[in-house]
Amino acid sequence: MKRAFNYYFIVSKDTGEITVEQKRINNAFMENRSAIIKLVTKATSGYGNWDRFRNRCMLILEKALILKSTRMTEALK
């Protein structure tokens, strides 16, 4: 099984030292967003107006992102 890695470089501001790190790539983030949009569609029984549907999805996705970042910040304290 092949594993996909995303290589990225970190340059230290103080020493100028370059380190290379790798991070596994997966599509869990996009799958989660897709599931949230499907739930919005089911809960509303369909929107007749595209702009309202888009705005509703953007609002819910933004709230989820803020909640997640708040939880991560609290966990680091």
N, C-alpha and C. Protein backbone atom coordinates (compact mmCIF):
# COMPACT_ATOMS: atom_id res chain seq x y z
N MET A 1 0.83 -1.17 0.00
CA MET A 1 0.00 0.00 0.00
C MET A 1 0.88 1.24 0.00
N LYS A 2 0.60 2.14 -0.93
CA LYS A 2 1.37 3.37 -0.99
C LYS A 2 0.82 4.37 0.00
N ARG A 3 1.70 5.14 0.57
CA ARG A 3 1.29 6.20 1.49
C ARG A 3 1.68 7.54 0.89
N ALA A 4 0.76 8.46 0.92
CA ALA A 4 1.04 9.79 0.38
C ALA A 4 1.53 10.69 1.50
N PHE A 5 2.61 11.37 1.25
CA PHE A 5 3.16 12.29 2.23
C PHE A 5 3.29 13.67 1.61
N ASN A 6 3.10 14.67 2.42
CA ASN A 6 3.29 16.04 2.01
C ASN A 6 4.53 16.55 2.74
N TYR A 7 5.56 16.86 2.01
CA TYR A 7 6.78 17.35 2.62
C TYR A 7 6.73 18.87 2.71
N TYR A 8 7.16 19.41 3.83
CA TYR A 8 7.22 20.84 3.96
C TYR A 8 8.49 21.23 4.70
N PHE A 9 8.92 22.46 4.47
CA PHE A 9 10.17 22.95 5.02
C PHE A 9 9.90 23.99 6.09
N ILE A 10 10.66 23.94 7.16
CA ILE A 10 10.57 24.93 8.23
C ILE A 10 11.93 25.60 8.34
N VAL A 11 11.94 26.93 8.23
CA VAL A 11 13.18 27.68 8.34
C VAL A 11 13.17 28.45 9.65
N SER A 12 14.16 28.23 10.46
CA SER A 12 14.28 28.93 11.74
C SER A 12 14.69 30.38 11.49
N LYS A 13 13.97 31.32 12.11
CA LYS A 13 14.29 32.75 11.92
C LYS A 13 15.61 33.11 12.61
N ASP A 14 15.91 32.45 13.71
CA ASP A 14 17.10 32.79 14.47
C ASP A 14 18.38 32.26 13.82
N THR A 15 18.38 30.96 13.52
CA THR A 15 19.60 30.32 13.03
C THR A 15 19.62 30.12 11.52
N GLY A 16 18.47 30.20 10.89
CA GLY A 16 18.41 29.96 9.45
C GLY A 16 18.45 28.48 9.11
N GLU A 17 18.36 27.64 10.12
CA GLU A 17 18.40 26.20 9.92
C GLU A 17 17.13 25.71 9.22
N ILE A 18 17.28 24.86 8.25
CA ILE A 18 16.15 24.32 7.50
C ILE A 18 15.89 22.88 7.93
N THR A 19 14.66 22.60 8.32
CA THR A 19 14.29 21.23 8.64
C THR A 19 13.17 20.80 7.71
N VAL A 20 13.22 19.54 7.32
CA VAL A 20 12.21 18.98 6.44
C VAL A 20 11.37 18.01 7.25
N GLU A 21 10.06 18.20 7.19
CA GLU A 21 9.16 17.30 7.90
C GLU A 21 8.15 16.75 6.91
N GLN A 22 7.56 15.65 7.28
CA GLN A 22 6.55 15.06 6.42
C GLN A 22 5.27 14.85 7.21
N LYS A 23 4.18 14.97 6.51
CA LYS A 23 2.87 14.83 7.13
C LYS A 23 2.01 13.98 6.19
N ARG A 24 1.29 13.01 6.76
CA ARG A 24 0.43 12.17 5.94
C ARG A 24 -0.75 12.97 5.43
N ILE A 25 -1.13 12.71 4.22
CA ILE A 25 -2.26 13.39 3.59
C ILE A 25 -3.47 12.47 3.65
N ASN A 26 -4.60 13.01 4.07
CA ASN A 26 -5.85 12.27 3.97
C ASN A 26 -6.98 13.25 3.68
N ASN A 27 -8.12 12.74 3.36
CA ASN A 27 -9.23 13.59 2.97
C ASN A 27 -10.31 13.66 4.04
N ALA A 28 -9.96 13.42 5.28
CA ALA A 28 -10.94 13.42 6.37
C ALA A 28 -11.61 14.78 6.53
N PHE A 29 -10.87 15.85 6.37
CA PHE A 29 -11.43 17.19 6.52
C PHE A 29 -12.53 17.43 5.50
N MET A 30 -12.28 17.11 4.25
CA MET A 30 -13.28 17.32 3.20
C MET A 30 -14.47 16.38 3.34
N GLU A 31 -14.22 15.16 3.78
CA GLU A 31 -15.33 14.22 4.01
C GLU A 31 -16.24 14.73 5.12
N ASN A 32 -15.66 15.32 6.16
CA ASN A 32 -16.45 15.89 7.25
C ASN A 32 -17.30 17.05 6.74
N ARG A 33 -16.72 17.93 5.95
CA ARG A 33 -17.46 19.07 5.40
C ARG A 33 -18.60 18.59 4.51
N SER A 34 -18.34 17.59 3.71
CA SER A 34 -19.37 17.04 2.84
C SER A 34 -20.53 16.46 3.64
N ALA A 35 -20.22 15.77 4.73
CA ALA A 35 -21.26 15.19 5.58
C ALA A 35 -22.10 16.28 6.22
N ILE A 36 -21.48 17.38 6.64
CA ILE A 36 -22.22 18.48 7.24
C ILE A 36 -23.17 19.10 6.22
N ILE A 37 -22.72 19.28 5.00
CA ILE A 37 -23.58 19.84 3.96
C ILE A 37 -24.75 18.91 3.66
N LYS A 38 -24.51 17.60 3.65
CA LYS A 38 -25.60 16.65 3.44
C LYS A 38 -26.62 16.72 4.56
N LEU A 39 -26.16 16.89 5.80
CA LEU A 39 -27.07 17.03 6.94
C LEU A 39 -27.92 18.29 6.81
N VAL A 40 -27.33 19.38 6.36
CA VAL A 40 -28.09 20.63 6.16
C VAL A 40 -29.17 20.40 5.12
N THR A 41 -28.83 19.72 4.06
CA THR A 41 -29.79 19.46 2.99
C THR A 41 -30.95 18.60 3.50
N LYS A 42 -30.66 17.58 4.29
CA LYS A 42 -31.71 16.73 4.83
C LYS A 42 -32.60 17.50 5.82
N ALA A 43 -31.99 18.28 6.69
CA ALA A 43 -32.73 18.98 7.73
C ALA A 43 -33.66 20.03 7.17
N THR A 44 -33.32 20.60 6.04
CA THR A 44 -34.12 21.69 5.48
C THR A 44 -35.10 21.22 4.42
N SER A 45 -35.08 19.96 4.07
CA SER A 45 -35.93 19.41 3.00
C SER A 45 -35.71 20.15 1.68
N GLY A 46 -34.52 20.61 1.49
CA GLY A 46 -34.15 21.28 0.25
C GLY A 46 -34.43 22.77 0.29
N TYR A 47 -33.54 23.55 -0.27
CA TYR A 47 -33.72 24.99 -0.39
C TYR A 47 -34.10 25.29 -1.83
N GLY A 48 -35.03 26.21 -2.01
CA GLY A 48 -35.38 26.64 -3.36
C GLY A 48 -34.45 27.72 -3.87
N ASN A 49 -33.82 28.42 -2.94
CA ASN A 49 -32.95 29.53 -3.29
C ASN A 49 -31.49 29.12 -3.04
N TRP A 50 -30.69 29.13 -4.09
CA TRP A 50 -29.30 28.71 -3.99
C TRP A 50 -28.51 29.58 -3.02
N ASP A 51 -28.72 30.90 -3.07
CA ASP A 51 -27.97 31.81 -2.20
C ASP A 51 -28.25 31.53 -0.73
N ARG A 52 -29.50 31.25 -0.38
CA ARG A 52 -29.82 30.93 1.02
C ARG A 52 -29.16 29.63 1.46
N PHE A 53 -29.20 28.63 0.58
CA PHE A 53 -28.56 27.35 0.90
C PHE A 53 -27.06 27.53 1.11
N ARG A 54 -26.42 28.26 0.22
CA ARG A 54 -24.99 28.51 0.30
C ARG A 54 -24.66 29.26 1.59
N ASN A 55 -25.43 30.29 1.91
CA ASN A 55 -25.18 31.08 3.12
C ASN A 55 -25.37 30.23 4.37
N ARG A 56 -26.38 29.37 4.37
CA ARG A 56 -26.62 28.50 5.52
C ARG A 56 -25.44 27.55 5.73
N CYS A 57 -24.97 26.95 4.65
CA CYS A 57 -23.81 26.03 4.75
C CYS A 57 -22.57 26.77 5.23
N MET A 58 -22.33 27.95 4.69
CA MET A 58 -21.16 28.73 5.10
C MET A 58 -21.24 29.09 6.59
N LEU A 59 -22.42 29.45 7.06
CA LEU A 59 -22.61 29.79 8.46
C LEU A 59 -22.32 28.60 9.37
N ILE A 60 -22.87 27.46 9.02
CA ILE A 60 -22.68 26.26 9.84
C ILE A 60 -21.22 25.81 9.81
N LEU A 61 -20.60 25.83 8.64
CA LEU A 61 -19.20 25.41 8.54
C LEU A 61 -18.29 26.37 9.31
N GLU A 62 -18.59 27.65 9.29
CA GLU A 62 -17.79 28.63 10.03
C GLU A 62 -17.93 28.42 11.53
N LYS A 63 -19.15 28.15 12.00
CA LYS A 63 -19.36 27.88 13.43
C LYS A 63 -18.60 26.64 13.86
N ALA A 64 -18.61 25.60 13.03
CA ALA A 64 -17.89 24.37 13.35
C ALA A 64 -16.40 24.63 13.44
N LEU A 65 -15.88 25.45 12.54
CA LEU A 65 -14.45 25.76 12.54
C LEU A 65 -14.07 26.56 13.79
N ILE A 66 -14.91 27.53 14.17
CA ILE A 66 -14.63 28.33 15.36
C ILE A 66 -14.68 27.46 16.60
N LEU A 67 -15.68 26.58 16.68
CA LEU A 67 -15.81 25.70 17.83
C LEU A 67 -14.60 24.78 17.95
N LYS A 68 -14.16 24.23 16.83
CA LYS A 68 -13.01 23.33 16.84
C LYS A 68 -11.74 24.07 17.30
N SER A 69 -11.53 25.27 16.78
CA SER A 69 -10.32 26.02 17.16
C SER A 69 -10.37 26.43 18.63
N THR A 70 -11.56 26.73 19.15
CA THR A 70 -11.70 27.08 20.56
C THR A 70 -11.37 25.88 21.44
N ARG A 71 -11.87 24.71 21.06
CA ARG A 71 -11.57 23.50 21.83
C ARG A 71 -10.09 23.18 21.82
N MET A 72 -9.44 23.36 20.66
CA MET A 72 -8.02 23.07 20.58
C MET A 72 -7.22 24.05 21.44
N THR A 73 -7.63 25.32 21.45
CA THR A 73 -6.95 26.32 22.26
C THR A 73 -7.10 26.01 23.74
N GLU A 74 -8.30 25.61 24.15
CA GLU A 74 -8.53 25.27 25.55
C GLU A 74 -7.75 24.02 25.96
N ALA A 75 -7.59 23.09 25.04
CA ALA A 75 -6.86 21.88 25.36
C ALA A 75 -5.36 22.15 25.55
N LEU A 76 -4.85 23.17 24.88
CA LEU A 76 -3.44 23.51 25.00
C LEU A 76 -3.10 24.24 26.30
N LYS A 77 -4.11 24.82 26.93
CA LYS A 77 -3.87 25.58 28.16
C LYS A 77 -3.56 24.68 29.33
